[in-house]
Amino acid sequence: MLENSYQCDTCDKKFSRRSNAKRHIKVVHEGRARAFNKITGKSTVEVLQHPDKSRTGSLPLGMDAGKHIDLLSSDMEEELLSEILEKIRKPFEELESLVADQSEIPKALYLSRQITASFLSSDPVKILQELVNFIRIFKLKIKLVNYISKSDNIDSKKAESFFIETFKTGKYYMNRIKSRTNTV
């Protein structure tokens, strides 16, 4: 099939696919569009109405029905985006503060990858919160190991081993292990 072989009879715009040409006519010239509601999951045919629509059925000069549909869609998308951004704001700001000590480029790469991964998941807030918790625990462990290293004047590897062995032989750890094995 030749490129742009389907043409609109009304405005002479050309399309590479017949379905695109049909959609163009319905939306731009007839003011009808199929709209999908992401919240309800229902698809409907909507007739675009505009207060300035003339009696001939065409939209006023400069009013493109296709752009009008995009605005309707964009408003809904903007609302959903605002909703999710408000939900992730706090965990993201916590994550951002936890990596504030990193240089700009690695920090930007890390944060952008984490945001992208969270948006691709079914629960971005949960993903970011789990990441925040993981980093907090990791940083706390490093901090505790550093205190042991400095106070006992030993290298960090030995301090980490000492930290883990002390933790594993502690009563809290032993009781937690017992309670978990009894419930399983």
C-alpha atoms as a PDB file:
ATOM      1  CA  MET A   1       0.000   0.000   0.000  1.00  0.00           C
ATOM      2  CA  LEU A   2       1.331   3.428  -0.900  1.00  0.00           C
ATOM      3  CA  GLU A   3       1.987   5.886   1.884  1.00  0.00           C
ATOM      4  CA  ASN A   4      -0.897   8.329   2.539  1.00  0.00           C
ATOM      5  CA  SER A   5      -3.186   6.642   0.012  1.00  0.00           C
ATOM      6  CA  TYR A   6      -6.447   7.356   1.903  1.00  0.00           C
ATOM      7  CA  GLN A   7      -7.740  10.899   1.609  1.00  0.00           C
ATOM      8  CA  CYS A   8     -10.461  12.801   3.452  1.00  0.00           C
ATOM      9  CA  ASP A   9     -13.102  14.059   1.002  1.00  0.00           C
ATOM     10  CA  THR A  10     -13.817  17.113   3.138  1.00  0.00           C
ATOM     11  CA  CYS A  11     -10.379  18.579   3.828  1.00  0.00           C
ATOM     12  CA  ASP A  12      -8.112  16.537   1.532  1.00  0.00           C
ATOM     13  CA  LYS A  13      -5.943  15.364   4.442  1.00  0.00           C
ATOM     14  CA  LYS A  14      -4.164  12.099   3.555  1.00  0.00           C
ATOM     15  CA  PHE A  15      -3.691   8.977   5.675  1.00  0.00           C
ATOM     16  CA  SER A  16      -1.686   5.800   5.299  1.00  0.00           C
ATOM     17  CA  ARG A  17      -4.504   3.669   6.736  1.00  0.00           C
ATOM     18  CA  ARG A  18      -8.201   3.590   5.949  1.00  0.00           C
ATOM     19  CA  SER A  19      -9.091   3.260   9.641  1.00  0.00           C
ATOM     20  CA  ASN A  20      -7.197   6.481  10.423  1.00  0.00           C
ATOM     21  CA  ALA A  21      -9.071   8.308   7.657  1.00  0.00           C
ATOM     22  CA  LYS A  22     -12.435   7.042   8.987  1.00  0.00           C
ATOM     23  CA  ARG A  23     -11.539   8.079  12.541  1.00  0.00           C
ATOM     24  CA  HIS A  24     -10.476  11.511  11.265  1.00  0.00           C
ATOM     25  CA  ILE A  25     -13.840  12.031   9.532  1.00  0.00           C
ATOM     26  CA  LYS A  26     -15.834  10.916  12.593  1.00  0.00           C
ATOM     27  CA  VAL A  27     -13.868  13.049  15.043  1.00  0.00           C
ATOM     28  CA  VAL A  28     -12.928  16.144  13.056  1.00  0.00           C
ATOM     29  CA  HIS A  29     -15.843  16.546  10.657  1.00  0.00           C
ATOM     30  CA  GLU A  30     -18.747  14.751  12.365  1.00  0.00           C
ATOM     31  CA  GLY A  31     -17.805  15.634  15.930  1.00  0.00           C
ATOM     32  CA  ARG A  32     -18.129  12.038  17.148  1.00  0.00           C
ATOM     33  CA  ALA A  33     -15.520  10.104  19.037  1.00  0.00           C
ATOM     34  CA  ARG A  34     -15.185   6.866  20.894  1.00  0.00           C
ATOM     35  CA  ALA A  35     -14.111   7.614  24.429  1.00  0.00           C
ATOM     36  CA  PHE A  36     -12.738   5.094  26.894  1.00  0.00           C
ATOM     37  CA  ASN A  37     -13.260   5.810  30.576  1.00  0.00           C
ATOM     38  CA  LYS A  38     -10.235   4.375  32.405  1.00  0.00           C
ATOM     39  CA  ILE A  39     -12.071   4.539  35.719  1.00  0.00           C
ATOM     40  CA  THR A  40     -15.257   2.665  34.729  1.00  0.00           C
ATOM     41  CA  GLY A  41     -13.680   0.637  31.942  1.00  0.00           C
ATOM     42  CA  LYS A  42     -16.557   1.479  29.571  1.00  0.00           C
ATOM     43  CA  SER A  43     -16.275   2.674  26.012  1.00  0.00           C
ATOM     44  CA  THR A  44     -18.879   5.075  24.596  1.00  0.00           C
ATOM     45  CA  VAL A  45     -19.470   7.118  21.478  1.00  0.00           C
ATOM     46  CA  GLU A  46     -19.532  10.768  22.401  1.00  0.00           C
ATOM     47  CA  VAL A  47     -20.894  13.622  20.335  1.00  0.00           C
ATOM     48  CA  LEU A  48     -18.797  16.679  20.852  1.00  0.00           C
ATOM     49  CA  GLN A  49     -20.849  19.718  21.691  1.00  0.00           C
ATOM     50  CA  HIS A  50     -19.526  23.209  21.880  1.00  0.00           C
ATOM     51  CA  PRO A  51     -21.528  26.292  22.901  1.00  0.00           C
ATOM     52  CA  ASP A  52     -20.503  28.120  19.725  1.00  0.00           C
ATOM     53  CA  LYS A  53     -21.431  25.278  17.347  1.00  0.00           C
ATOM     54  CA  SER A  54     -23.215  26.658  14.314  1.00  0.00           C
ATOM     55  CA  ARG A  55     -26.549  25.376  12.977  1.00  0.00           C
ATOM     56  CA  THR A  56     -24.837  23.763  10.009  1.00  0.00           C
ATOM     57  CA  GLY A  57     -23.342  21.135  12.289  1.00  0.00           C
ATOM     58  CA  SER A  58     -19.760  22.199  11.824  1.00  0.00           C
ATOM     59  CA  LEU A  59     -17.619  23.519  14.607  1.00  0.00           C
ATOM     60  CA  PRO A  60     -16.759  27.222  14.694  1.00  0.00           C
ATOM     61  CA  LEU A  61     -13.806  28.496  12.726  1.00  0.00           C
ATOM     62  CA  GLY A  62     -10.569  27.452  14.416  1.00  0.00           C
ATOM     63  CA  MET A  63     -12.264  24.760  16.551  1.00  0.00           C
ATOM     64  CA  ASP A  64     -10.877  21.330  15.723  1.00  0.00           C
ATOM     65  CA  ALA A  65     -12.983  18.490  17.159  1.00  0.00           C
ATOM     66  CA  GLY A  66      -9.930  16.233  17.235  1.00  0.00           C
ATOM     67  CA  LYS A  67      -8.102  18.695  19.458  1.00  0.00           C
ATOM     68  CA  HIS A  68     -11.231  19.046  21.589  1.00  0.00           C
ATOM     69  CA  ILE A  69     -11.193  15.285  22.204  1.00  0.00           C
ATOM     70  CA  ASP A  70      -7.497  15.495  23.076  1.00  0.00           C
ATOM     71  CA  LEU A  71      -8.314  18.204  25.609  1.00  0.00           C
ATOM     72  CA  LEU A  72     -11.013  16.049  27.197  1.00  0.00           C
ATOM     73  CA  SER A  73      -8.640  13.117  27.317  1.00  0.00           C
ATOM     74  CA  SER A  74      -5.803  15.302  28.569  1.00  0.00           C
ATOM     75  CA  ASP A  75      -7.961  16.707  31.373  1.00  0.00           C
ATOM     76  CA  MET A  76      -8.773  13.201  32.591  1.00  0.00           C
ATOM     77  CA  GLU A  77      -5.168  12.104  32.237  1.00  0.00           C
ATOM     78  CA  GLU A  78      -4.020  15.244  34.051  1.00  0.00           C
ATOM     79  CA  GLU A  79      -6.440  14.512  36.881  1.00  0.00           C
ATOM     80  CA  LEU A  80      -5.211  10.921  37.194  1.00  0.00           C
ATOM     81  CA  LEU A  81      -1.601  12.068  36.999  1.00  0.00           C
ATOM     82  CA  SER A  82      -2.194  14.651  39.730  1.00  0.00           C
ATOM     83  CA  GLU A  83      -3.840  12.002  41.872  1.00  0.00           C
ATOM     84  CA  ILE A  84      -0.926   9.560  41.611  1.00  0.00           C
ATOM     85  CA  LEU A  85       1.681  12.303  41.991  1.00  0.00           C
ATOM     86  CA  GLU A  86       0.048  13.398  45.228  1.00  0.00           C
ATOM     87  CA  LYS A  87       0.112   9.798  46.455  1.00  0.00           C
ATOM     88  CA  ILE A  88       3.784   9.249  45.595  1.00  0.00           C
ATOM     89  CA  ARG A  89       4.953  12.708  46.702  1.00  0.00           C
ATOM     90  CA  LYS A  90       5.862  11.779  50.260  1.00  0.00           C
ATOM     91  CA  PRO A  91       7.694   8.486  49.543  1.00  0.00           C
ATOM     92  CA  PHE A  92       9.489  10.100  46.596  1.00  0.00           C
ATOM     93  CA  GLU A  93      10.626  13.066  48.696  1.00  0.00           C
ATOM     94  CA  GLU A  94      11.868  10.624  51.352  1.00  0.00           C
ATOM     95  CA  LEU A  95      13.728   8.643  48.700  1.00  0.00           C
ATOM     96  CA  GLU A  96      15.172  11.846  47.275  1.00  0.00           C
ATOM     97  CA  SER A  97      16.433  12.924  50.699  1.00  0.00           C
ATOM     98  CA  LEU A  98      17.969   9.491  51.309  1.00  0.00           C
ATOM     99  CA  VAL A  99      20.085   9.804  48.156  1.00  0.00           C
ATOM    100  CA  ALA A 100      20.798  13.535  48.544  1.00  0.00           C
ATOM    101  CA  ASP A 101      24.456  12.796  49.314  1.00  0.00           C
ATOM    102  CA  GLN A 102      24.984  11.364  45.810  1.00  0.00           C
ATOM    103  CA  SER A 103      26.315  13.479  42.946  1.00  0.00           C
ATOM    104  CA  GLU A 104      23.699  14.952  40.597  1.00  0.00           C
ATOM    105  CA  ILE A 105      23.951  12.706  37.536  1.00  0.00           C
ATOM    106  CA  PRO A 106      23.956   9.325  39.350  1.00  0.00           C
ATOM    107  CA  LYS A 107      21.209  10.603  41.643  1.00  0.00           C
ATOM    108  CA  ALA A 108      19.083  11.738  38.687  1.00  0.00           C
ATOM    109  CA  LEU A 109      19.594   8.424  36.882  1.00  0.00           C
ATOM    110  CA  TYR A 110      18.742   6.430  40.003  1.00  0.00           C
ATOM    111  CA  LEU A 111      15.620   8.457  40.837  1.00  0.00           C
ATOM    112  CA  SER A 112      14.326   8.478  37.261  1.00  0.00           C
ATOM    113  CA  ARG A 113      14.746   4.694  37.003  1.00  0.00           C
ATOM    114  CA  GLN A 114      12.971   4.138  40.314  1.00  0.00           C
ATOM    115  CA  ILE A 115      10.077   6.398  39.316  1.00  0.00           C
ATOM    116  CA  THR A 116       9.772   4.662  35.951  1.00  0.00           C
ATOM    117  CA  ALA A 117       9.812   1.224  37.582  1.00  0.00           C
ATOM    118  CA  SER A 118       7.217   2.304  40.149  1.00  0.00           C
ATOM    119  CA  PHE A 119       4.871   3.685  37.457  1.00  0.00           C
ATOM    120  CA  LEU A 120       5.111   0.404  35.554  1.00  0.00           C
ATOM    121  CA  SER A 121       4.005  -1.507  38.646  1.00  0.00           C
ATOM    122  CA  SER A 122       0.438  -1.950  39.844  1.00  0.00           C
ATOM    123  CA  ASP A 123       1.170   0.007  43.050  1.00  0.00           C
ATOM    124  CA  PRO A 124       3.761   2.799  42.604  1.00  0.00           C
ATOM    125  CA  VAL A 125       3.326   4.065  46.169  1.00  0.00           C
ATOM    126  CA  LYS A 126       4.068   0.635  47.641  1.00  0.00           C
ATOM    127  CA  ILE A 127       7.130   0.181  45.428  1.00  0.00           C
ATOM    128  CA  LEU A 128       8.584   3.560  46.432  1.00  0.00           C
ATOM    129  CA  GLN A 129       7.803   3.016  50.124  1.00  0.00           C
ATOM    130  CA  GLU A 130       9.493  -0.406  50.071  1.00  0.00           C
ATOM    131  CA  LEU A 131      12.528   1.178  48.435  1.00  0.00           C
ATOM    132  CA  VAL A 132      12.612   3.939  51.067  1.00  0.00           C
ATOM    133  CA  ASN A 133      12.439   1.343  53.838  1.00  0.00           C
ATOM    134  CA  PHE A 134      15.174  -0.756  52.245  1.00  0.00           C
ATOM    135  CA  ILE A 135      17.523   2.243  51.913  1.00  0.00           C
ATOM    136  CA  ARG A 136      16.816   3.376  55.475  1.00  0.00           C
ATOM    137  CA  ILE A 137      17.673  -0.066  56.829  1.00  0.00           C
ATOM    138  CA  PHE A 138      20.765  -0.294  54.623  1.00  0.00           C
ATOM    139  CA  LYS A 139      21.987   3.142  55.740  1.00  0.00           C
ATOM    140  CA  LEU A 140      21.281   2.323  59.391  1.00  0.00           C
ATOM    141  CA  LYS A 141      23.294  -0.878  59.092  1.00  0.00           C
ATOM    142  CA  ILE A 142      26.203   1.052  57.541  1.00  0.00           C
ATOM    143  CA  LYS A 143      25.999   3.662  60.285  1.00  0.00           C
ATOM    144  CA  LEU A 144      26.010   1.029  63.046  1.00  0.00           C
ATOM    145  CA  VAL A 145      28.904  -0.849  61.443  1.00  0.00           C
ATOM    146  CA  ASN A 146      30.850   2.431  61.156  1.00  0.00           C
ATOM    147  CA  TYR A 147      30.301   3.120  64.877  1.00  0.00           C
ATOM    148  CA  ILE A 148      31.586  -0.354  65.745  1.00  0.00           C
ATOM    149  CA  SER A 149      34.537   0.078  63.389  1.00  0.00           C
ATOM    150  CA  LYS A 150      35.521   3.416  64.925  1.00  0.00           C
ATOM    151  CA  SER A 151      34.943   2.456  68.543  1.00  0.00           C
ATOM    152  CA  ASP A 152      36.842  -0.857  68.299  1.00  0.00           C
ATOM    153  CA  ASN A 153      39.412   0.486  65.849  1.00  0.00           C
ATOM    154  CA  ILE A 154      38.817  -2.328  63.322  1.00  0.00           C
ATOM    155  CA  ASP A 155      38.186  -2.300  59.569  1.00  0.00           C
ATOM    156  CA  SER A 156      34.614  -2.166  58.300  1.00  0.00           C
ATOM    157  CA  LYS A 157      34.536  -5.817  57.112  1.00  0.00           C
ATOM    158  CA  LYS A 158      35.415  -7.083  60.599  1.00  0.00           C
ATOM    159  CA  ALA A 159      32.974  -4.604  62.126  1.00  0.00           C
ATOM    160  CA  GLU A 160      30.198  -5.890  59.864  1.00  0.00           C
ATOM    161  CA  SER A 161      30.945  -9.505  60.791  1.00  0.00           C
ATOM    162  CA  PHE A 162      30.975  -8.586  64.477  1.00  0.00           C
ATOM    163  CA  PHE A 163      27.680  -6.700  64.068  1.00  0.00           C
ATOM    164  CA  ILE A 164      25.958  -9.663  62.367  1.00  0.00           C
ATOM    165  CA  GLU A 165      27.286 -12.244  64.845  1.00  0.00           C
ATOM    166  CA  THR A 166      26.264 -10.083  67.800  1.00  0.00           C
ATOM    167  CA  PHE A 167      22.825  -9.592  66.319  1.00  0.00           C
ATOM    168  CA  LYS A 168      22.380 -13.315  65.610  1.00  0.00           C
ATOM    169  CA  THR A 169      23.341 -14.331  69.136  1.00  0.00           C
ATOM    170  CA  GLY A 170      21.114 -11.727  70.766  1.00  0.00           C
ATOM    171  CA  LYS A 171      17.961 -12.683  72.649  1.00  0.00           C
ATOM    172  CA  TYR A 172      15.662 -10.631  70.390  1.00  0.00           C
ATOM    173  CA  TYR A 173      16.883 -12.434  67.270  1.00  0.00           C
ATOM    174  CA  MET A 174      16.685 -15.852  68.928  1.00  0.00           C
ATOM    175  CA  ASN A 175      13.123 -15.218  70.170  1.00  0.00           C
ATOM    176  CA  ARG A 176      12.005 -13.996  66.733  1.00  0.00           C
ATOM    177  CA  ILE A 177      13.472 -17.097  65.074  1.00  0.00           C
ATOM    178  CA  LYS A 178      11.664 -19.339  67.593  1.00  0.00           C
ATOM    179  CA  SER A 179       8.337 -17.558  67.117  1.00  0.00           C
ATOM    180  CA  ARG A 180       8.600 -17.769  63.310  1.00  0.00           C
ATOM    181  CA  THR A 181       9.428 -21.471  63.314  1.00  0.00           C
ATOM    182  CA  ASN A 182       6.552 -22.177  65.693  1.00  0.00           C
ATOM    183  CA  THR A 183       4.022 -20.430  63.427  1.00  0.00           C
ATOM    184  CA  VAL A 184       5.209 -22.133  60.222  1.00  0.00           C
END
